[in-house]
N, C-alpha and C. Protein backbone atom coordinates (compact mmCIF):
# COMPACT_ATOMS: atom_id res chain seq x y z
N MET A 1 27.96 -20.23 -2.53
CA MET A 1 27.09 -20.41 -3.67
C MET A 1 27.48 -19.50 -4.82
N GLY A 2 28.34 -18.53 -4.58
CA GLY A 2 28.95 -17.75 -5.64
C GLY A 2 28.01 -17.08 -6.62
N GLY A 3 27.06 -16.27 -6.14
CA GLY A 3 26.20 -15.51 -7.03
C GLY A 3 24.99 -16.26 -7.53
N ILE A 4 24.89 -17.54 -7.24
CA ILE A 4 23.70 -18.30 -7.63
C ILE A 4 22.83 -18.43 -6.39
N TYR A 5 21.57 -18.08 -6.53
CA TYR A 5 20.66 -18.13 -5.40
C TYR A 5 19.91 -19.46 -5.40
N TRP A 6 19.60 -19.93 -4.22
CA TRP A 6 18.92 -21.20 -4.07
C TRP A 6 17.59 -20.98 -3.40
N ARG A 7 16.64 -21.84 -3.67
CA ARG A 7 15.37 -21.80 -2.97
C ARG A 7 15.10 -23.17 -2.40
N ILE A 8 14.39 -23.20 -1.32
CA ILE A 8 13.98 -24.47 -0.72
C ILE A 8 12.46 -24.42 -0.63
N GLU A 9 11.80 -25.34 -1.30
CA GLU A 9 10.35 -25.37 -1.32
C GLU A 9 9.90 -26.80 -1.10
N LYS A 10 9.17 -27.02 -0.03
CA LYS A 10 8.67 -28.35 0.30
C LYS A 10 9.78 -29.40 0.26
N GLY A 11 10.92 -29.03 0.86
CA GLY A 11 12.01 -29.98 0.97
C GLY A 11 12.89 -30.11 -0.25
N ARG A 12 12.58 -29.40 -1.32
CA ARG A 12 13.39 -29.49 -2.54
C ARG A 12 14.21 -28.22 -2.68
N ALA A 13 15.40 -28.37 -3.15
CA ALA A 13 16.25 -27.22 -3.41
C ALA A 13 16.46 -27.09 -4.91
N GLY A 14 16.56 -25.88 -5.38
CA GLY A 14 16.78 -25.67 -6.80
C GLY A 14 17.38 -24.31 -7.06
N LYS A 15 18.04 -24.16 -8.20
CA LYS A 15 18.66 -22.89 -8.56
C LYS A 15 17.60 -21.92 -9.06
N LEU A 16 17.77 -20.66 -8.70
CA LEU A 16 16.96 -19.58 -9.26
C LEU A 16 17.89 -18.75 -10.15
N SER A 17 17.66 -18.77 -11.41
CA SER A 17 18.56 -18.06 -12.31
C SER A 17 18.12 -16.63 -12.54
N GLY A 18 16.83 -16.33 -12.32
CA GLY A 18 16.34 -15.00 -12.59
C GLY A 18 16.11 -14.76 -14.07
N ARG A 19 16.12 -15.81 -14.86
CA ARG A 19 16.00 -15.66 -16.32
C ARG A 19 14.64 -16.09 -16.84
N HIS A 20 13.67 -16.25 -15.95
CA HIS A 20 12.34 -16.69 -16.37
C HIS A 20 11.34 -15.59 -16.08
N ALA A 21 10.40 -15.42 -16.97
CA ALA A 21 9.32 -14.45 -16.75
C ALA A 21 8.46 -14.96 -15.60
N PHE A 22 7.91 -14.04 -14.81
CA PHE A 22 7.10 -14.43 -13.66
C PHE A 22 5.93 -15.31 -14.08
N LYS A 23 5.30 -14.99 -15.20
CA LYS A 23 4.16 -15.79 -15.65
C LYS A 23 4.58 -17.24 -15.92
N ASP A 24 5.83 -17.44 -16.34
CA ASP A 24 6.31 -18.80 -16.56
C ASP A 24 6.53 -19.53 -15.24
N LEU A 25 6.94 -18.78 -14.23
CA LEU A 25 7.17 -19.40 -12.92
C LEU A 25 5.87 -19.84 -12.28
N THR A 26 4.78 -19.13 -12.56
CA THR A 26 3.49 -19.45 -11.93
C THR A 26 2.59 -20.29 -12.83
N LYS A 27 3.08 -20.64 -14.00
CA LYS A 27 2.27 -21.36 -14.98
C LYS A 27 1.72 -22.68 -14.43
N GLY A 28 2.50 -23.40 -13.66
CA GLY A 28 2.08 -24.70 -13.17
C GLY A 28 1.27 -24.68 -11.88
N TYR A 29 0.92 -23.50 -11.38
CA TYR A 29 0.17 -23.41 -10.12
C TYR A 29 -1.24 -23.98 -10.30
N THR A 30 -1.70 -24.66 -9.27
CA THR A 30 -3.07 -25.18 -9.30
C THR A 30 -4.05 -24.04 -9.12
N ARG A 31 -5.29 -24.31 -9.45
CA ARG A 31 -6.35 -23.31 -9.27
C ARG A 31 -6.47 -22.91 -7.80
N GLU A 32 -6.32 -23.88 -6.90
CA GLU A 32 -6.41 -23.60 -5.47
C GLU A 32 -5.27 -22.69 -5.00
N ARG A 33 -4.07 -22.96 -5.51
CA ARG A 33 -2.93 -22.13 -5.13
C ARG A 33 -3.10 -20.70 -5.65
N ARG A 34 -3.59 -20.56 -6.87
CA ARG A 34 -3.84 -19.23 -7.43
C ARG A 34 -4.89 -18.49 -6.59
N ALA A 35 -5.92 -19.21 -6.15
CA ALA A 35 -6.97 -18.60 -5.32
C ALA A 35 -6.39 -18.14 -3.99
N ARG A 36 -5.51 -18.95 -3.38
CA ARG A 36 -4.88 -18.57 -2.11
C ARG A 36 -4.01 -17.32 -2.30
N ILE A 37 -3.30 -17.27 -3.41
CA ILE A 37 -2.44 -16.12 -3.70
C ILE A 37 -3.30 -14.87 -3.87
N GLU A 38 -4.39 -14.97 -4.61
CA GLU A 38 -5.28 -13.81 -4.81
C GLU A 38 -5.88 -13.35 -3.48
N ALA A 39 -6.27 -14.30 -2.63
CA ALA A 39 -6.84 -13.95 -1.32
C ALA A 39 -5.79 -13.22 -0.48
N ARG A 40 -4.57 -13.71 -0.51
CA ARG A 40 -3.50 -13.06 0.26
C ARG A 40 -3.20 -11.67 -0.28
N LYS A 41 -3.22 -11.50 -1.60
CA LYS A 41 -3.01 -10.18 -2.19
C LYS A 41 -4.08 -9.21 -1.72
N LYS A 42 -5.34 -9.67 -1.66
CA LYS A 42 -6.43 -8.82 -1.17
C LYS A 42 -6.20 -8.42 0.27
N GLU A 43 -5.77 -9.37 1.11
CA GLU A 43 -5.48 -9.08 2.51
C GLU A 43 -4.40 -8.01 2.62
N LEU A 44 -3.34 -8.16 1.86
CA LEU A 44 -2.23 -7.22 1.92
C LEU A 44 -2.64 -5.84 1.44
N ARG A 45 -3.51 -5.78 0.44
CA ARG A 45 -3.98 -4.48 -0.06
C ARG A 45 -4.95 -3.82 0.92
N ALA A 46 -5.65 -4.63 1.71
CA ALA A 46 -6.67 -4.10 2.62
C ALA A 46 -6.05 -3.33 3.78
N ALA A 47 -4.84 -3.63 4.15
CA ALA A 47 -4.20 -2.95 5.28
C ALA A 47 -2.76 -2.63 4.93
N MET A 48 -2.47 -1.34 4.79
CA MET A 48 -1.12 -0.90 4.45
C MET A 48 -0.73 0.30 5.29
N LEU A 49 0.54 0.39 5.55
CA LEU A 49 1.08 1.61 6.13
C LEU A 49 1.10 2.66 5.05
N LEU A 50 1.15 3.94 5.44
CA LEU A 50 1.12 5.01 4.44
C LEU A 50 2.24 4.89 3.41
N HIS A 51 3.45 4.61 3.87
CA HIS A 51 4.55 4.51 2.90
C HIS A 51 4.36 3.32 1.97
N GLU A 52 3.75 2.24 2.45
CA GLU A 52 3.49 1.09 1.59
C GLU A 52 2.44 1.44 0.54
N LEU A 53 1.43 2.21 0.96
CA LEU A 53 0.40 2.64 0.02
C LEU A 53 1.00 3.53 -1.06
N ARG A 54 1.85 4.47 -0.65
CA ARG A 54 2.51 5.35 -1.62
C ARG A 54 3.34 4.55 -2.60
N GLN A 55 4.10 3.58 -2.08
CA GLN A 55 4.94 2.75 -2.95
C GLN A 55 4.08 1.90 -3.89
N ALA A 56 2.96 1.38 -3.38
CA ALA A 56 2.07 0.57 -4.22
C ALA A 56 1.47 1.42 -5.33
N ARG A 57 1.33 2.72 -5.09
CA ARG A 57 0.82 3.66 -6.10
C ARG A 57 1.95 4.17 -6.99
N ALA A 58 3.15 3.62 -6.80
CA ALA A 58 4.34 3.97 -7.60
C ALA A 58 4.65 5.46 -7.54
N MET A 59 4.59 6.02 -6.33
CA MET A 59 4.92 7.43 -6.14
C MET A 59 6.10 7.56 -5.19
N THR A 60 6.95 8.53 -5.47
CA THR A 60 8.05 8.82 -4.55
C THR A 60 7.58 9.87 -3.55
N GLN A 61 8.32 9.98 -2.45
CA GLN A 61 8.00 11.03 -1.47
C GLN A 61 8.15 12.41 -2.11
N LYS A 62 9.10 12.55 -2.99
CA LYS A 62 9.33 13.85 -3.66
C LYS A 62 8.13 14.23 -4.51
N VAL A 63 7.64 13.30 -5.31
CA VAL A 63 6.49 13.57 -6.18
C VAL A 63 5.24 13.86 -5.34
N LEU A 64 5.04 13.08 -4.30
CA LEU A 64 3.89 13.31 -3.42
C LEU A 64 4.01 14.66 -2.73
N GLY A 65 5.22 15.01 -2.30
CA GLY A 65 5.45 16.31 -1.68
C GLY A 65 5.11 17.45 -2.62
N GLU A 66 5.45 17.31 -3.90
CA GLU A 66 5.12 18.34 -4.88
C GLU A 66 3.60 18.50 -5.00
N ALA A 67 2.87 17.38 -4.97
CA ALA A 67 1.41 17.43 -5.06
C ALA A 67 0.81 18.09 -3.81
N LEU A 68 1.49 17.93 -2.66
CA LEU A 68 1.01 18.50 -1.40
C LEU A 68 1.58 19.90 -1.13
N ASN A 69 2.46 20.37 -2.00
CA ASN A 69 3.15 21.65 -1.82
C ASN A 69 4.01 21.68 -0.56
N VAL A 70 4.68 20.56 -0.30
CA VAL A 70 5.63 20.46 0.81
C VAL A 70 6.89 19.78 0.29
N LYS A 71 7.95 19.82 1.07
CA LYS A 71 9.20 19.17 0.67
C LYS A 71 9.18 17.69 1.09
N GLN A 72 10.05 16.91 0.49
CA GLN A 72 10.12 15.47 0.72
C GLN A 72 10.27 15.11 2.20
N PRO A 73 11.09 15.82 3.00
CA PRO A 73 11.21 15.44 4.41
C PRO A 73 9.87 15.55 5.18
N ALA A 74 9.01 16.47 4.77
CA ALA A 74 7.70 16.60 5.43
C ALA A 74 6.85 15.36 5.15
N VAL A 75 6.95 14.82 3.94
CA VAL A 75 6.21 13.60 3.60
C VAL A 75 6.76 12.43 4.43
N ALA A 76 8.09 12.35 4.55
CA ALA A 76 8.71 11.29 5.35
C ALA A 76 8.23 11.36 6.79
N ARG A 77 8.16 12.57 7.36
CA ARG A 77 7.68 12.73 8.75
C ARG A 77 6.23 12.30 8.87
N LEU A 78 5.41 12.68 7.92
CA LEU A 78 4.00 12.31 7.95
C LEU A 78 3.83 10.79 7.93
N GLU A 79 4.62 10.13 7.09
CA GLU A 79 4.51 8.67 6.98
C GLU A 79 4.94 7.96 8.25
N ARG A 80 5.76 8.60 9.06
CA ARG A 80 6.22 7.97 10.32
C ARG A 80 5.27 8.23 11.48
N ARG A 81 4.38 9.18 11.34
CA ARG A 81 3.48 9.54 12.44
C ARG A 81 2.48 8.44 12.74
N ALA A 82 2.22 8.24 14.03
CA ALA A 82 1.18 7.31 14.44
C ALA A 82 -0.14 8.04 14.64
N ASP A 83 -0.06 9.36 14.81
CA ASP A 83 -1.25 10.17 15.07
C ASP A 83 -1.15 11.44 14.23
N MET A 84 -2.24 11.82 13.56
CA MET A 84 -2.20 13.01 12.72
C MET A 84 -3.59 13.57 12.56
N TYR A 85 -3.67 14.79 12.05
CA TYR A 85 -4.96 15.40 11.75
C TYR A 85 -5.61 14.67 10.59
N VAL A 86 -6.92 14.55 10.65
CA VAL A 86 -7.68 13.93 9.56
C VAL A 86 -7.45 14.71 8.27
N SER A 87 -7.38 16.03 8.36
CA SER A 87 -7.18 16.86 7.15
C SER A 87 -5.84 16.55 6.48
N ASN A 88 -4.79 16.28 7.28
CA ASN A 88 -3.49 15.91 6.69
C ASN A 88 -3.58 14.56 6.00
N LEU A 89 -4.23 13.62 6.65
CA LEU A 89 -4.38 12.29 6.06
C LEU A 89 -5.20 12.37 4.78
N ARG A 90 -6.28 13.15 4.81
CA ARG A 90 -7.12 13.31 3.63
C ARG A 90 -6.33 13.92 2.47
N ALA A 91 -5.54 14.94 2.75
CA ALA A 91 -4.73 15.57 1.71
C ALA A 91 -3.73 14.58 1.12
N TYR A 92 -3.11 13.78 1.97
CA TYR A 92 -2.14 12.76 1.54
C TYR A 92 -2.81 11.77 0.59
N ILE A 93 -3.97 11.26 0.98
CA ILE A 93 -4.70 10.27 0.17
C ILE A 93 -5.15 10.90 -1.15
N GLU A 94 -5.69 12.11 -1.09
CA GLU A 94 -6.16 12.76 -2.31
C GLU A 94 -5.02 13.09 -3.26
N ALA A 95 -3.83 13.38 -2.73
CA ALA A 95 -2.67 13.66 -3.58
C ALA A 95 -2.26 12.42 -4.38
N MET A 96 -2.65 11.25 -3.90
CA MET A 96 -2.37 10.01 -4.62
C MET A 96 -3.52 9.60 -5.52
N GLY A 97 -4.57 10.43 -5.55
CA GLY A 97 -5.71 10.13 -6.42
C GLY A 97 -6.83 9.38 -5.74
N GLY A 98 -6.75 9.25 -4.41
CA GLY A 98 -7.78 8.51 -3.67
C GLY A 98 -8.77 9.43 -2.98
N ARG A 99 -9.65 8.84 -2.22
CA ARG A 99 -10.64 9.56 -1.44
C ARG A 99 -10.69 8.91 -0.06
N LEU A 100 -10.58 9.71 0.99
CA LEU A 100 -10.56 9.18 2.35
C LEU A 100 -11.98 8.97 2.85
N SER A 101 -12.23 7.80 3.40
CA SER A 101 -13.50 7.47 4.03
C SER A 101 -13.19 7.02 5.45
N ILE A 102 -13.94 7.52 6.41
CA ILE A 102 -13.76 7.08 7.78
C ILE A 102 -15.00 6.28 8.17
N VAL A 103 -14.77 5.04 8.57
CA VAL A 103 -15.87 4.13 8.87
C VAL A 103 -15.69 3.60 10.29
N ALA A 104 -16.75 3.71 11.08
CA ALA A 104 -16.76 3.12 12.42
C ALA A 104 -17.39 1.73 12.29
N LYS A 105 -16.73 0.74 12.85
CA LYS A 105 -17.21 -0.64 12.74
C LYS A 105 -17.80 -1.08 14.08
N PHE A 106 -19.03 -1.53 14.04
CA PHE A 106 -19.73 -2.04 15.21
C PHE A 106 -20.23 -3.44 14.92
N PRO A 107 -20.49 -4.23 15.96
CA PRO A 107 -21.03 -5.58 15.70
C PRO A 107 -22.33 -5.54 14.89
N GLN A 108 -23.11 -4.48 15.06
CA GLN A 108 -24.39 -4.38 14.36
C GLN A 108 -24.24 -3.89 12.92
N GLY A 109 -23.07 -3.37 12.58
CA GLY A 109 -22.85 -2.88 11.22
C GLY A 109 -21.90 -1.69 11.19
N ASP A 110 -21.51 -1.31 10.01
CA ASP A 110 -20.58 -0.21 9.81
C ASP A 110 -21.33 1.11 9.62
N VAL A 111 -20.68 2.20 10.08
CA VAL A 111 -21.25 3.53 9.92
C VAL A 111 -20.17 4.43 9.33
N THR A 112 -20.47 5.08 8.21
CA THR A 112 -19.54 6.02 7.60
C THR A 112 -19.69 7.36 8.30
N ILE A 113 -18.59 7.89 8.81
CA ILE A 113 -18.58 9.19 9.48
C ILE A 113 -18.44 10.26 8.41
N THR A 114 -19.39 11.19 8.37
CA THR A 114 -19.40 12.18 7.29
C THR A 114 -18.87 13.55 7.71
N ASN A 115 -18.57 13.76 8.98
CA ASN A 115 -18.09 15.06 9.45
C ASN A 115 -16.91 15.56 8.63
N PHE A 116 -16.08 14.66 8.16
CA PHE A 116 -14.83 15.03 7.51
C PHE A 116 -14.93 15.08 6.00
N SER A 117 -16.00 14.57 5.43
CA SER A 117 -16.07 14.46 3.98
C SER A 117 -16.39 15.76 3.28
N ASP A 118 -17.04 16.69 3.95
CA ASP A 118 -17.43 17.94 3.31
C ASP A 118 -16.50 19.09 3.64
N MET A 119 -15.39 18.80 4.29
CA MET A 119 -14.45 19.86 4.66
C MET A 119 -13.84 20.42 3.39
N ASP A 120 -14.00 21.71 3.17
CA ASP A 120 -13.46 22.32 1.96
C ASP A 120 -12.46 23.37 2.37
N GLU A 121 -11.22 22.91 2.52
CA GLU A 121 -10.17 23.83 2.93
C GLU A 121 -8.94 23.57 2.09
N GLU A 122 -8.01 24.49 2.11
CA GLU A 122 -6.77 24.28 1.38
C GLU A 122 -6.00 23.14 2.00
N ALA A 123 -5.15 22.52 1.20
CA ALA A 123 -4.33 21.42 1.72
C ALA A 123 -3.50 21.94 2.89
N PRO A 124 -3.55 21.26 4.02
CA PRO A 124 -2.82 21.71 5.19
C PRO A 124 -1.32 21.52 5.03
N SER A 125 -0.56 22.24 5.84
CA SER A 125 0.89 22.00 5.81
C SER A 125 1.16 20.71 6.54
N VAL A 126 1.80 19.81 5.87
CA VAL A 126 2.03 18.46 6.41
C VAL A 126 3.13 18.50 7.35
C-alpha cells in the first residue's frame, strides 16, 4: 500500500489521507452514533489505569514526579503496582489536581469511607 493507509468499515474500503479535521470526519454521524460514542467515552473515563489517567491529564511521569518530590522512575514503579498505600495513591491523585474518594459499593447503596479523607501528612515517598 506504500504509505497510504486503508480502512474497512461495514464492508467498504477507503483511503485515509490524514488531511481532514476530525470534526469533518464525524460531521455525517447520526445522533444515535454520537450518543453511542459519548456513552463509550464515559465508560472509558470511568475506569482507567493510573498511567492512563496521568496521560489523559496530559502529564508526564517526570512532571508528576516533580509534583510528588520523587524521580520519574518512582512514578513508573507506582503506576505498575497492583497494591499500594492509600496515602501514596492519594498523593498521586492530588498531584494531578484531583481528590481521592474511597467508596464501598453494596447492593443497598454506596458508602463513602472517610477514614482516609482527613489524613493530614506530608506526601509520602512513592
